[in-house]
Amino acid sequence: MTKRKNDSTRFYPISCSRSIREQRYIRAKLDLWKQLPEEERQSIRDLIDRISVGGVERVALTAVVLRGVSPRIAAERYRIGKGRVYQMQREFFEKVKLWP
């Protein structure tokens, strides 16, 4: 099976306090990572650091939110509980600023 270029960042809504529209906005914003102002990228990195506990969690959460890796794959790859990865993803989506 051939992987298309944008398959990794496909949008899948999560169960959190944000509406699906807000989640789509966040996902679209993250897909434009390189075009975001440095201040905004640093704010997102800081949020990832605050949510994650330790280096492995930070790497897993970064993979999920910035590279579009599924939480299940990130949990397997980084040997973290799947529930913890989903929890970090949910917390990220609930806390990330919609507007700079």
Protein backbone atom coordinates (compact mmCIF):
# COMPACT_ATOMS: atom_id res chain seq x y z
CA MET A 1 0.00 0.00 0.00
CA THR A 2 1.38 3.39 -1.00
CA LYS A 3 1.22 6.16 1.54
CA ARG A 4 0.04 9.52 0.28
CA LYS A 5 1.91 12.62 1.39
CA ASN A 6 -0.85 14.04 3.64
CA ASP A 7 -2.01 10.77 5.22
CA SER A 8 0.03 11.40 8.36
CA THR A 9 -1.87 14.57 9.23
CA ARG A 10 -5.39 13.40 8.51
CA PHE A 11 -7.92 14.91 10.87
CA TYR A 12 -9.56 12.69 13.47
CA PRO A 13 -11.65 14.51 16.08
CA ILE A 14 -10.96 13.69 19.71
CA SER A 15 -13.19 13.77 22.73
CA CYS A 16 -12.36 17.02 24.51
CA SER A 17 -13.83 20.39 25.47
CA ARG A 18 -13.04 21.88 22.03
CA SER A 19 -15.57 21.78 19.23
CA ILE A 20 -14.75 19.84 16.08
CA ARG A 21 -14.36 23.16 14.25
CA GLU A 22 -11.82 24.34 16.81
CA GLN A 23 -9.99 21.03 16.57
CA ARG A 24 -9.87 21.34 12.76
CA TYR A 25 -8.48 24.86 13.14
CA ILE A 26 -5.78 23.66 15.55
CA ARG A 27 -4.86 20.75 13.25
CA ALA A 28 -4.67 23.06 10.21
CA LYS A 29 -2.49 25.48 12.16
CA LEU A 30 -0.13 22.67 13.21
CA ASP A 31 0.05 21.48 9.60
CA LEU A 32 1.47 24.92 8.76
CA TRP A 33 4.17 24.62 11.43
CA LYS A 34 7.00 26.07 9.35
CA GLN A 35 4.92 29.13 8.42
CA LEU A 36 3.96 29.96 12.01
CA PRO A 37 5.79 32.85 13.68
CA GLU A 38 8.62 31.71 15.95
CA GLU A 39 6.78 33.07 19.03
CA GLU A 40 3.81 30.83 18.30
CA ARG A 41 5.99 27.78 17.65
CA GLN A 42 7.80 28.40 20.94
CA SER A 43 4.48 28.74 22.78
CA ILE A 44 3.40 25.35 21.38
CA ARG A 45 6.74 23.75 22.33
CA ASP A 46 6.39 25.19 25.86
CA LEU A 47 2.88 23.75 26.17
CA ILE A 48 4.15 20.32 25.07
CA ASP A 49 6.88 20.58 27.72
CA ARG A 50 4.36 21.49 30.45
CA ILE A 51 2.02 18.62 29.57
CA SER A 52 4.60 15.89 29.18
CA VAL A 53 6.55 14.37 32.03
CA GLY A 54 10.01 13.41 30.88
CA GLY A 55 11.73 13.17 27.55
CA VAL A 56 9.93 10.12 26.18
CA GLU A 57 6.50 11.62 26.81
CA ARG A 58 7.61 14.88 25.21
CA VAL A 59 8.84 13.04 22.12
CA ALA A 60 5.61 11.04 21.90
CA LEU A 61 3.38 14.11 22.31
CA THR A 62 5.45 16.03 19.76
CA ALA A 63 5.03 13.15 17.31
CA VAL A 64 1.26 13.16 17.83
CA VAL A 65 0.58 16.89 17.65
CA LEU A 66 3.26 18.12 15.27
CA ARG A 67 3.89 15.15 12.98
CA GLY A 68 0.39 13.67 12.96
CA VAL A 69 1.41 10.27 14.34
CA SER A 70 -1.58 8.44 15.78
CA PRO A 71 -1.62 8.14 19.58
CA ARG A 72 -1.75 4.34 19.27
CA ILE A 73 1.40 4.26 17.11
CA ALA A 74 3.17 6.77 19.37
CA ALA A 75 2.33 4.65 22.44
CA GLU A 76 3.78 1.55 20.80
CA ARG A 77 6.83 3.30 19.37
CA TYR A 78 7.78 5.09 22.60
CA ARG A 79 6.50 2.39 25.01
CA ILE A 80 4.09 4.64 26.85
CA GLY A 81 0.60 3.66 27.93
CA LYS A 82 -1.90 4.39 25.18
CA GLY A 83 -4.21 6.06 27.71
CA ARG A 84 -1.45 8.47 28.73
CA VAL A 85 -0.78 9.47 25.11
CA TYR A 86 -4.50 10.10 24.52
CA GLN A 87 -4.65 12.08 27.77
CA MET A 88 -1.71 14.28 26.73
CA GLN A 89 -3.23 14.83 23.28
CA ARG A 90 -6.57 15.82 24.84
CA GLU A 91 -4.87 18.18 27.28
CA PHE A 92 -2.88 19.77 24.46
CA PHE A 93 -5.99 20.40 22.35
CA GLU A 94 -7.82 21.86 25.34
CA LYS A 95 -4.99 24.21 26.35
CA VAL A 96 -3.46 25.35 23.07
CA LYS A 97 -4.30 28.97 22.25
CA LEU A 98 -6.57 29.40 19.28
CA TRP A 99 -5.34 32.93 18.65
CA PRO A 100 -1.84 34.29 19.28
